[in-house]
Amino acid sequence: MDTEPTEVIVLGAIRQGKKNFGKIQKATNIKPDELEGILSRLEKLGHIMVVTKKSWFGARIEIMITDKGSNELDNRLFEARERWGQMQQLYQKKDKNGLKDMMDGNRSFLPMMMFFGIMDIMMFSMMFSMMGATMTDYVPAESVPEGFDTGDAGGDAGSDMGDVGVDNGFGGGDFDFGF
């Protein structure tokens, strides 16, 4: 099967227990209209099924992954792990051009690798540094993990940060030894 990386991310979110549209959308950060199209394609492929359940508050729609969808997800994750292994080998060999070509050819896989935690973010960051690139050259900003420095913050590199609230673990210097 040729499922797109965003479809694989959605399958993963469903398998992780996100069973309704809102939870899937929140977990994947995919725009609602795009997510609707992805869910429709996955249903046509037989990777998911929509189940209507009755509850106290009326009908509730749940999205379930099928065995076929689960197998597809496993295959795609295996493939992504292999690609990550190849990228690591190229980095360790210091093959800058080979790594750049590999990353260029796998741009669509990178957000998927990040979503599933396949890649080591520190090594990924070092790969960009070796190539002289930033993460946002390859990964859309909305797919970058929260709090991760993408290398293109745009601030004044020479500015004084002032007091950033670091107390080095001593609580501002007034500690008691207990004597």
N, C-alpha and C. Protein backbone atom coordinates (compact mmCIF):
# COMPACT_ATOMS: atom_id res chain seq x y z
N MET A 1 0.83 -1.18 0.00
CA MET A 1 0.00 0.00 0.00
C MET A 1 0.87 1.24 0.00
N ASP A 2 0.41 2.27 -0.62
CA ASP A 2 1.13 3.53 -0.64
C ASP A 2 0.36 4.59 0.11
N THR A 3 0.44 4.54 1.43
CA THR A 3 -0.19 5.58 2.23
C THR A 3 0.80 6.72 2.41
N GLU A 4 0.29 7.92 2.48
CA GLU A 4 1.12 9.10 2.67
C GLU A 4 1.55 9.19 4.13
N PRO A 5 2.68 9.85 4.40
CA PRO A 5 3.13 9.99 5.79
C PRO A 5 2.09 10.63 6.72
N THR A 6 1.32 11.60 6.22
CA THR A 6 0.29 12.20 7.08
C THR A 6 -0.80 11.18 7.41
N GLU A 7 -1.09 10.29 6.47
CA GLU A 7 -2.07 9.24 6.73
C GLU A 7 -1.54 8.27 7.80
N VAL A 8 -0.24 8.00 7.75
CA VAL A 8 0.37 7.12 8.74
C VAL A 8 0.33 7.77 10.12
N ILE A 9 0.56 9.08 10.17
CA ILE A 9 0.48 9.81 11.44
C ILE A 9 -0.93 9.70 12.02
N VAL A 10 -1.94 9.85 11.17
CA VAL A 10 -3.33 9.74 11.62
C VAL A 10 -3.62 8.32 12.11
N LEU A 11 -3.16 7.32 11.38
CA LEU A 11 -3.34 5.93 11.83
C LEU A 11 -2.70 5.72 13.20
N GLY A 12 -1.51 6.27 13.38
CA GLY A 12 -0.82 6.15 14.66
C GLY A 12 -1.59 6.81 15.79
N ALA A 13 -2.14 7.98 15.53
CA ALA A 13 -2.92 8.68 16.55
C ALA A 13 -4.14 7.86 16.94
N ILE A 14 -4.79 7.24 15.95
CA ILE A 14 -5.97 6.42 16.23
C ILE A 14 -5.56 5.20 17.05
N ARG A 15 -4.46 4.56 16.66
CA ARG A 15 -4.02 3.39 17.40
C ARG A 15 -3.58 3.75 18.83
N GLN A 16 -3.14 4.98 19.03
CA GLN A 16 -2.75 5.44 20.36
C GLN A 16 -3.96 5.80 21.22
N GLY A 17 -5.17 5.66 20.68
CA GLY A 17 -6.37 5.87 21.48
C GLY A 17 -7.15 7.13 21.16
N LYS A 18 -6.72 7.89 20.18
CA LYS A 18 -7.47 9.08 19.77
C LYS A 18 -8.59 8.59 18.86
N LYS A 19 -9.82 8.56 19.38
CA LYS A 19 -10.90 7.90 18.65
C LYS A 19 -11.93 8.84 18.06
N ASN A 20 -11.77 10.15 18.29
CA ASN A 20 -12.72 11.06 17.66
C ASN A 20 -11.96 12.16 16.91
N PHE A 21 -12.66 12.83 16.05
CA PHE A 21 -12.07 13.81 15.15
C PHE A 21 -11.26 14.87 15.90
N GLY A 22 -11.84 15.42 16.95
CA GLY A 22 -11.18 16.49 17.70
C GLY A 22 -9.87 16.05 18.32
N LYS A 23 -9.86 14.87 18.91
CA LYS A 23 -8.63 14.37 19.55
C LYS A 23 -7.57 14.05 18.51
N ILE A 24 -7.98 13.49 17.38
CA ILE A 24 -7.02 13.19 16.30
C ILE A 24 -6.44 14.50 15.77
N GLN A 25 -7.30 15.48 15.56
CA GLN A 25 -6.85 16.77 15.03
C GLN A 25 -5.87 17.44 15.99
N LYS A 26 -6.17 17.39 17.28
CA LYS A 26 -5.29 18.01 18.28
C LYS A 26 -3.94 17.29 18.35
N ALA A 27 -3.94 15.97 18.29
CA ALA A 27 -2.71 15.20 18.40
C ALA A 27 -1.81 15.36 17.17
N THR A 28 -2.42 15.52 16.00
CA THR A 28 -1.65 15.55 14.76
C THR A 28 -1.38 16.95 14.23
N ASN A 29 -2.10 17.95 14.71
CA ASN A 29 -1.98 19.33 14.21
C ASN A 29 -2.26 19.44 12.72
N ILE A 30 -3.15 18.62 12.23
CA ILE A 30 -3.55 18.67 10.82
C ILE A 30 -4.82 19.49 10.73
N LYS A 31 -4.89 20.35 9.73
CA LYS A 31 -6.06 21.22 9.55
C LYS A 31 -7.31 20.36 9.37
N PRO A 32 -8.45 20.81 9.93
CA PRO A 32 -9.68 20.01 9.89
C PRO A 32 -10.10 19.53 8.51
N ASP A 33 -10.04 20.40 7.50
CA ASP A 33 -10.47 19.97 6.16
C ASP A 33 -9.52 18.93 5.58
N GLU A 34 -8.23 19.07 5.84
CA GLU A 34 -7.25 18.08 5.38
C GLU A 34 -7.45 16.76 6.12
N LEU A 35 -7.68 16.84 7.43
CA LEU A 35 -7.90 15.64 8.23
C LEU A 35 -9.14 14.89 7.76
N GLU A 36 -10.18 15.61 7.42
CA GLU A 36 -11.40 14.99 6.92
C GLU A 36 -11.12 14.18 5.65
N GLY A 37 -10.32 14.75 4.74
CA GLY A 37 -9.94 14.05 3.52
C GLY A 37 -9.11 12.81 3.80
N ILE A 38 -8.18 12.93 4.75
CA ILE A 38 -7.33 11.80 5.12
C ILE A 38 -8.17 10.67 5.71
N LEU A 39 -9.08 11.02 6.62
CA LEU A 39 -9.94 9.99 7.22
C LEU A 39 -10.81 9.32 6.18
N SER A 40 -11.28 10.08 5.22
CA SER A 40 -12.10 9.52 4.14
C SER A 40 -11.28 8.53 3.31
N ARG A 41 -10.04 8.91 2.96
CA ARG A 41 -9.17 8.00 2.19
C ARG A 41 -8.86 6.74 2.98
N LEU A 42 -8.55 6.90 4.27
CA LEU A 42 -8.24 5.74 5.10
C LEU A 42 -9.43 4.79 5.22
N GLU A 43 -10.63 5.35 5.27
CA GLU A 43 -11.83 4.51 5.34
C GLU A 43 -12.03 3.77 4.02
N LYS A 44 -11.82 4.45 2.89
CA LYS A 44 -11.95 3.79 1.58
C LYS A 44 -10.93 2.68 1.41
N LEU A 45 -9.72 2.87 1.97
CA LEU A 45 -8.68 1.85 1.87
C LEU A 45 -8.92 0.69 2.84
N GLY A 46 -9.86 0.86 3.76
CA GLY A 46 -10.14 -0.19 4.74
C GLY A 46 -9.20 -0.17 5.93
N HIS A 47 -8.49 0.94 6.14
CA HIS A 47 -7.55 1.05 7.26
C HIS A 47 -8.23 1.47 8.56
N ILE A 48 -9.38 2.13 8.42
CA ILE A 48 -10.15 2.53 9.60
C ILE A 48 -11.62 2.23 9.36
N MET A 49 -12.38 2.19 10.44
CA MET A 49 -13.83 2.09 10.31
C MET A 49 -14.45 3.05 11.31
N VAL A 50 -15.57 3.60 10.91
CA VAL A 50 -16.29 4.54 11.76
C VAL A 50 -17.43 3.78 12.43
N VAL A 51 -17.46 3.87 13.75
CA VAL A 51 -18.45 3.15 14.55
C VAL A 51 -19.30 4.18 15.30
N THR A 52 -20.61 4.02 15.24
CA THR A 52 -21.51 4.89 15.98
C THR A 52 -21.94 4.17 17.25
N LYS A 53 -21.66 4.79 18.39
CA LYS A 53 -22.02 4.20 19.67
C LYS A 53 -23.05 5.08 20.35
N LYS A 54 -23.94 4.45 21.08
CA LYS A 54 -24.97 5.20 21.80
C LYS A 54 -24.47 5.49 23.21
N SER A 55 -24.76 6.69 23.67
CA SER A 55 -24.41 7.07 25.04
C SER A 55 -25.55 7.87 25.64
N TRP A 56 -25.40 8.30 26.87
CA TRP A 56 -26.44 9.08 27.54
C TRP A 56 -26.74 10.38 26.80
N PHE A 57 -25.74 10.91 26.13
CA PHE A 57 -25.88 12.21 25.47
C PHE A 57 -26.19 12.09 23.99
N GLY A 58 -26.55 10.90 23.53
CA GLY A 58 -26.88 10.70 22.13
C GLY A 58 -25.83 9.84 21.43
N ALA A 59 -25.87 9.85 20.13
CA ALA A 59 -24.93 9.04 19.35
C ALA A 59 -23.53 9.64 19.43
N ARG A 60 -22.53 8.76 19.50
CA ARG A 60 -21.14 9.18 19.56
C ARG A 60 -20.39 8.41 18.48
N ILE A 61 -19.62 9.13 17.70
CA ILE A 61 -18.87 8.51 16.61
C ILE A 61 -17.45 8.24 17.07
N GLU A 62 -17.01 6.99 16.88
CA GLU A 62 -15.63 6.61 17.19
C GLU A 62 -14.97 6.09 15.93
N ILE A 63 -13.71 6.39 15.80
CA ILE A 63 -12.92 5.94 14.66
C ILE A 63 -11.97 4.86 15.17
N MET A 64 -12.03 3.70 14.56
CA MET A 64 -11.24 2.55 14.99
C MET A 64 -10.29 2.13 13.87
N ILE A 65 -9.10 1.70 14.24
CA ILE A 65 -8.16 1.19 13.25
C ILE A 65 -8.48 -0.28 13.01
N THR A 66 -8.40 -0.71 11.76
CA THR A 66 -8.65 -2.11 11.41
C THR A 66 -7.34 -2.88 11.45
N ASP A 67 -7.43 -4.20 11.34
CA ASP A 67 -6.21 -5.02 11.29
C ASP A 67 -5.37 -4.62 10.08
N LYS A 68 -6.04 -4.38 8.96
CA LYS A 68 -5.34 -3.96 7.75
C LYS A 68 -4.60 -2.63 7.99
N GLY A 69 -5.26 -1.70 8.66
CA GLY A 69 -4.64 -0.41 8.97
C GLY A 69 -3.48 -0.56 9.94
N SER A 70 -3.64 -1.43 10.92
CA SER A 70 -2.58 -1.66 11.90
C SER A 70 -1.35 -2.29 11.24
N ASN A 71 -1.59 -3.24 10.32
CA ASN A 71 -0.48 -3.85 9.58
C ASN A 71 0.23 -2.82 8.71
N GLU A 72 -0.55 -1.96 8.05
CA GLU A 72 0.03 -0.90 7.22
C GLU A 72 0.88 0.04 8.07
N LEU A 73 0.37 0.39 9.23
CA LEU A 73 1.11 1.27 10.14
C LEU A 73 2.42 0.61 10.56
N ASP A 74 2.37 -0.65 10.94
CA ASP A 74 3.59 -1.37 11.34
C ASP A 74 4.61 -1.40 10.21
N ASN A 75 4.15 -1.67 8.98
CA ASN A 75 5.06 -1.70 7.84
C ASN A 75 5.71 -0.35 7.59
N ARG A 76 4.91 0.70 7.65
CA ARG A 76 5.44 2.04 7.41
C ARG A 76 6.40 2.49 8.51
N LEU A 77 6.13 2.10 9.75
CA LEU A 77 7.04 2.43 10.85
C LEU A 77 8.36 1.68 10.70
N PHE A 78 8.29 0.44 10.26
CA PHE A 78 9.51 -0.33 10.01
C PHE A 78 10.34 0.35 8.93
N GLU A 79 9.68 0.77 7.87
CA GLU A 79 10.34 1.47 6.77
C GLU A 79 10.97 2.78 7.25
N ALA A 80 10.27 3.51 8.09
CA ALA A 80 10.80 4.78 8.62
C ALA A 80 12.01 4.53 9.51
N ARG A 81 11.98 3.47 10.31
CA ARG A 81 13.14 3.13 11.16
C ARG A 81 14.35 2.78 10.31
N GLU A 82 14.12 2.06 9.21
CA GLU A 82 15.22 1.74 8.30
C GLU A 82 15.82 3.00 7.70
N ARG A 83 14.98 3.92 7.28
CA ARG A 83 15.46 5.18 6.70
C ARG A 83 16.24 5.98 7.73
N TRP A 84 15.77 6.01 8.96
CA TRP A 84 16.48 6.73 10.02
C TRP A 84 17.85 6.08 10.25
N GLY A 85 17.90 4.76 10.24
CA GLY A 85 19.18 4.06 10.38
C GLY A 85 20.15 4.42 9.27
N GLN A 86 19.65 4.52 8.04
CA GLN A 86 20.49 4.92 6.91
C GLN A 86 21.00 6.35 7.09
N MET A 87 20.14 7.23 7.58
CA MET A 87 20.55 8.61 7.81
C MET A 87 21.62 8.68 8.90
N GLN A 88 21.49 7.87 9.94
CA GLN A 88 22.49 7.83 11.01
C GLN A 88 23.84 7.36 10.47
N GLN A 89 23.81 6.33 9.62
CA GLN A 89 25.06 5.82 9.05
C GLN A 89 25.75 6.88 8.20
N LEU A 90 24.98 7.59 7.40
CA LEU A 90 25.56 8.66 6.58
C LEU A 90 26.16 9.75 7.44
N TYR A 91 25.51 10.07 8.54
CA TYR A 91 26.03 11.09 9.45
C TYR A 91 27.34 10.61 10.08
N GLN A 92 27.36 9.36 10.54
CA GLN A 92 28.55 8.82 11.18
C GLN A 92 29.72 8.71 10.22
N LYS A 93 29.44 8.50 8.94
CA LYS A 93 30.49 8.46 7.91
C LYS A 93 30.91 9.87 7.50
N LYS A 94 30.18 10.87 8.01
CA LYS A 94 30.40 12.28 7.66
C LYS A 94 30.19 12.53 6.17
N ASP A 95 29.25 11.78 5.59
CA ASP A 95 28.90 11.93 4.17
C ASP A 95 27.85 13.03 4.05
N LYS A 96 28.32 14.26 4.02
CA LYS A 96 27.45 15.43 4.00
C LYS A 96 26.50 15.43 2.79
N ASN A 97 27.04 15.15 1.61
CA ASN A 97 26.21 15.16 0.40
C ASN A 97 25.21 14.00 0.39
N GLY A 98 25.65 12.83 0.83
CA GLY A 98 24.75 11.68 0.89
C GLY A 98 23.61 11.92 1.88
N LEU A 99 23.95 12.53 3.02
CA LEU A 99 22.93 12.83 4.02
C LEU A 99 21.95 13.86 3.49
N LYS A 100 22.46 14.89 2.83
CA LYS A 100 21.59 15.92 2.25
C LYS A 100 20.65 15.31 1.22
N ASP A 101 21.19 14.45 0.34
CA ASP A 101 20.36 13.78 -0.66
C ASP A 101 19.29 12.90 0.00
N MET A 102 19.70 12.18 1.04
CA MET A 102 18.76 11.30 1.75
C MET A 102 17.64 12.13 2.40
N MET A 103 18.01 13.23 3.03
CA MET A 103 17.00 14.08 3.67
C MET A 103 16.11 14.75 2.63
N ASP A 104 16.69 15.18 1.52
CA ASP A 104 15.89 15.78 0.45
C ASP A 104 14.87 14.77 -0.09
N GLY A 105 15.29 13.52 -0.22
CA GLY A 105 14.41 12.48 -0.74
C GLY A 105 13.36 11.99 0.25
N ASN A 106 13.55 12.33 1.52
CA ASN A 106 12.64 11.83 2.56
C ASN A 106 11.97 12.95 3.35
N ARG A 107 11.84 14.12 2.74
CA ARG A 107 11.23 15.26 3.44
C ARG A 107 9.87 14.92 4.03
N SER A 108 9.07 14.19 3.30
CA SER A 108 7.72 13.90 3.79
C SER A 108 7.74 12.91 4.96
N PHE A 109 8.81 12.13 5.10
CA PHE A 109 8.91 11.16 6.19
C PHE A 109 9.37 11.79 7.50
N LEU A 110 10.06 12.93 7.43
CA LEU A 110 10.65 13.51 8.64
C LEU A 110 9.61 13.86 9.71
N PRO A 111 8.50 14.53 9.37
CA PRO A 111 7.50 14.79 10.42
C PRO A 111 6.93 13.50 11.02
N MET A 112 6.79 12.47 10.20
CA MET A 112 6.28 11.19 10.69
C MET A 112 7.28 10.58 11.67
N MET A 113 8.57 10.66 11.34
CA MET A 113 9.60 10.13 12.23
C MET A 113 9.59 10.87 13.57
N MET A 114 9.34 12.18 13.51
CA MET A 114 9.27 12.97 14.74
C MET A 114 8.03 12.61 15.55
N PHE A 115 6.89 12.46 14.89
CA PHE A 115 5.63 12.16 15.57
C PHE A 115 5.74 10.85 16.36
N PHE A 116 6.36 9.84 15.78
CA PHE A 116 6.44 8.54 16.41
C PHE A 116 7.68 8.37 17.29
N GLY A 117 8.53 9.39 17.35
CA GLY A 117 9.73 9.31 18.19
C GLY A 117 10.77 8.35 17.65
N ILE A 118 10.77 8.14 16.35
CA ILE A 118 11.73 7.23 15.73
C ILE A 118 13.12 7.84 15.75
N MET A 119 13.19 9.13 15.50
CA MET A 119 14.50 9.77 15.42
C MET A 119 14.93 10.34 16.76
N ASP A 120 16.24 10.38 16.94
CA ASP A 120 16.86 11.01 18.09
C ASP A 120 17.02 12.49 17.73
N ILE A 121 16.29 13.36 18.42
CA ILE A 121 16.26 14.77 18.07
C ILE A 121 17.65 15.40 18.17
N MET A 122 18.45 14.98 19.13
CA MET A 122 19.81 15.55 19.25
C MET A 122 20.65 15.19 18.03
N MET A 123 20.59 13.93 17.60
CA MET A 123 21.35 13.54 16.42
C MET A 123 20.81 14.25 15.18
N PHE A 124 19.50 14.37 15.11
CA PHE A 124 18.86 15.07 14.00
C PHE A 124 19.37 16.51 13.93
N SER A 125 19.46 17.14 15.08
CA SER A 125 19.97 18.51 15.15
C SER A 125 21.44 18.57 14.70
N MET A 126 22.23 17.60 15.11
CA MET A 126 23.64 17.58 14.70
C MET A 126 23.77 17.35 13.19
N MET A 127 22.85 16.59 12.61
CA MET A 127 22.86 16.38 11.16
C MET A 127 22.66 17.71 10.43
N PHE A 128 21.70 18.50 10.92
CA PHE A 128 21.47 19.81 10.31
C PHE A 128 22.69 20.70 10.44
N SER A 129 23.31 20.64 11.60
CA SER A 129 24.50 21.45 11.83
C SER A 129 25.62 21.06 10.87
N MET A 130 25.81 19.76 10.65
CA MET A 130 26.84 19.29 9.74
C MET A 130 26.58 19.77 8.31
N MET A 131 25.30 19.82 7.95
CA MET A 131 24.94 20.24 6.58
C MET A 131 24.85 21.75 6.45
N GLY A 132 24.89 22.48 7.57
CA GLY A 132 24.73 23.93 7.52
C GLY A 132 23.30 24.34 7.22
N ALA A 133 22.34 23.55 7.68
CA ALA A 133 20.92 23.81 7.42
C ALA A 133 20.20 24.00 8.75
N THR A 134 18.95 24.41 8.68
CA THR A 134 18.10 24.49 9.87
C THR A 134 16.99 23.46 9.74
N MET A 135 16.39 23.13 10.86
CA MET A 135 15.33 22.13 10.85
C MET A 135 14.17 22.55 9.96
N THR A 136 13.84 23.84 9.98
CA THR A 136 12.68 24.29 9.19
C THR A 136 12.95 24.27 7.70
N ASP A 137 14.19 24.00 7.29
CA ASP A 137 14.46 23.79 5.87
C ASP A 137 13.86 22.46 5.41
N TYR A 138 13.66 21.54 6.36
CA TYR A 138 13.18 20.20 6.02
C TYR A 138 11.86 19.82 6.67
N VAL A 139 11.55 20.43 7.81
CA VAL A 139 10.35 20.06 8.55
C VAL A 139 9.49 21.31 8.74
N PRO A 140 8.20 21.25 8.41
CA PRO A 140 7.34 22.41 8.63
C PRO A 140 7.34 22.81 10.11
N ALA A 141 7.31 24.10 10.37
CA ALA A 141 7.39 24.60 11.75
C ALA A 141 6.34 23.97 12.66
N GLU A 142 5.13 23.70 12.14
CA GLU A 142 4.09 23.13 12.99
C GLU A 142 4.37 21.67 13.36
N SER A 143 5.32 21.02 12.69
CA SER A 143 5.66 19.64 13.01
C SER A 143 6.85 19.53 13.95
N VAL A 144 7.51 20.66 14.23
CA VAL A 144 8.67 20.66 15.12
C VAL A 144 8.17 20.53 16.56
N PRO A 145 8.80 19.65 17.36
CA PRO A 145 8.36 19.50 18.75
C PRO A 145 8.39 20.82 19.49
N GLU A 146 7.42 21.02 20.36
CA GLU A 146 7.31 22.26 21.12
C GLU A 146 8.55 22.47 21.97
N GLY A 147 9.08 23.68 21.96
CA GLY A 147 10.24 24.03 22.76
C GLY A 147 11.56 23.69 22.10
N PHE A 148 11.56 23.12 20.92
CA PHE A 148 12.80 22.75 20.25
C PHE A 148 13.32 23.94 19.45
N ASP A 149 14.61 24.25 19.60
CA ASP A 149 15.22 25.36 18.88
C ASP A 149 15.46 24.94 17.44
N THR A 150 14.81 25.63 16.51
CA THR A 150 14.93 25.28 15.10
C THR A 150 16.12 25.94 14.44
N GLY A 151 16.82 26.80 15.16
CA GLY A 151 18.01 27.43 14.61
C GLY A 151 17.72 28.67 13.80
N ASP A 152 16.46 29.08 13.70
CA ASP A 152 16.14 30.27 12.92
C ASP A 152 15.23 31.21 13.71
N ALA A 153 15.56 31.40 14.98
CA ALA A 153 14.72 32.21 15.86
C ALA A 153 14.68 33.67 15.46
N GLY A 154 15.72 34.15 14.76
CA GLY A 154 15.69 35.50 14.24
C GLY A 154 16.06 36.56 15.25
N GLY A 155 16.49 36.21 16.44
CA GLY A 155 16.88 37.20 17.43
C GLY A 155 18.25 37.77 17.15
N ASP A 156 18.64 38.80 17.89
CA ASP A 156 19.96 39.41 17.77
C ASP A 156 20.94 38.51 18.49
N ALA A 157 21.84 37.89 17.74
CA ALA A 157 22.77 36.92 18.31
C ALA A 157 23.70 37.55 19.33
N GLY A 158 23.94 38.85 19.26
CA GLY A 158 24.87 39.50 20.18
C GLY A 158 24.18 40.18 21.34
N SER A 159 22.92 39.99 21.54
CA SER A 159 22.21 40.72 22.59
C SER A 159 22.48 40.11 23.96
N ASP A 160 22.38 40.96 24.99
CA ASP A 160 22.54 40.53 26.36
C ASP A 160 21.19 40.04 26.86
N MET A 161 21.12 38.80 27.31
CA MET A 161 19.86 38.23 27.76
C MET A 161 19.44 38.78 29.12
N GLY A 162 20.36 39.42 29.84
CA GLY A 162 20.00 39.96 31.15
C GLY A 162 19.81 38.83 32.14
N ASP A 163 19.02 39.06 33.16
CA ASP A 163 18.74 38.05 34.17
C ASP A 163 17.68 37.10 33.63
N VAL A 164 18.08 35.85 33.39
CA VAL A 164 17.14 34.89 32.83
C VAL A 164 16.56 33.99 33.91
N GLY A 165 16.78 34.36 35.18
CA GLY A 165 16.14 33.62 36.26
C GLY A 165 16.88 32.37 36.70
N VAL A 166 18.16 32.24 36.39
CA VAL A 166 18.93 31.08 36.78
C VAL A 166 19.49 31.32 38.17
N ASP A 167 19.27 30.38 39.10
CA ASP A 167 19.81 30.56 40.45
C ASP A 167 20.83 29.48 40.78
N ASN A 168 21.25 28.68 39.81
CA ASN A 168 22.26 27.64 39.97
C ASN A 168 21.94 26.67 41.10
N GLY A 169 20.68 26.53 41.46
CA GLY A 169 20.29 25.56 42.46
C GLY A 169 20.50 25.99 43.90
N PHE A 170 20.98 27.21 44.14
CA PHE A 170 21.26 27.65 45.50
C PHE A 170 20.20 28.61 46.04
N GLY A 171 19.11 28.82 45.34
CA GLY A 171 18.02 29.64 45.83
C GLY A 171 18.39 31.09 46.07
N GLY A 172 19.26 31.64 45.25
CA GLY A 172 19.61 33.05 45.38
C GLY A 172 20.69 33.31 46.41
N GLY A 173 21.35 32.29 46.92
CA GLY A 173 22.48 32.48 47.82
C GLY A 173 22.12 32.41 49.30
N ASP A 174 20.87 32.38 49.66
CA ASP A 174 20.51 32.35 51.08
C ASP A 174 20.06 30.94 51.46
N PHE A 175 21.05 30.08 51.71
CA PHE A 175 20.74 28.71 52.09
C PHE A 175 21.21 28.47 53.52
N ASP A 176 20.62 27.49 54.16
CA ASP A 176 20.89 27.21 55.57
C ASP A 176 21.52 25.83 55.67
N PHE A 177 22.68 25.76 56.35
CA PHE A 177 23.37 24.49 56.52
C PHE A 177 22.80 23.66 57.66
N GLY A 178 21.97 24.25 58.49
CA GLY A 178 21.35 23.51 59.59
C GLY A 178 22.16 23.54 60.87
N PHE A 179 23.11 24.46 61.04
CA PHE A 179 23.90 24.55 62.27
C PHE A 179 23.12 25.33 63.30
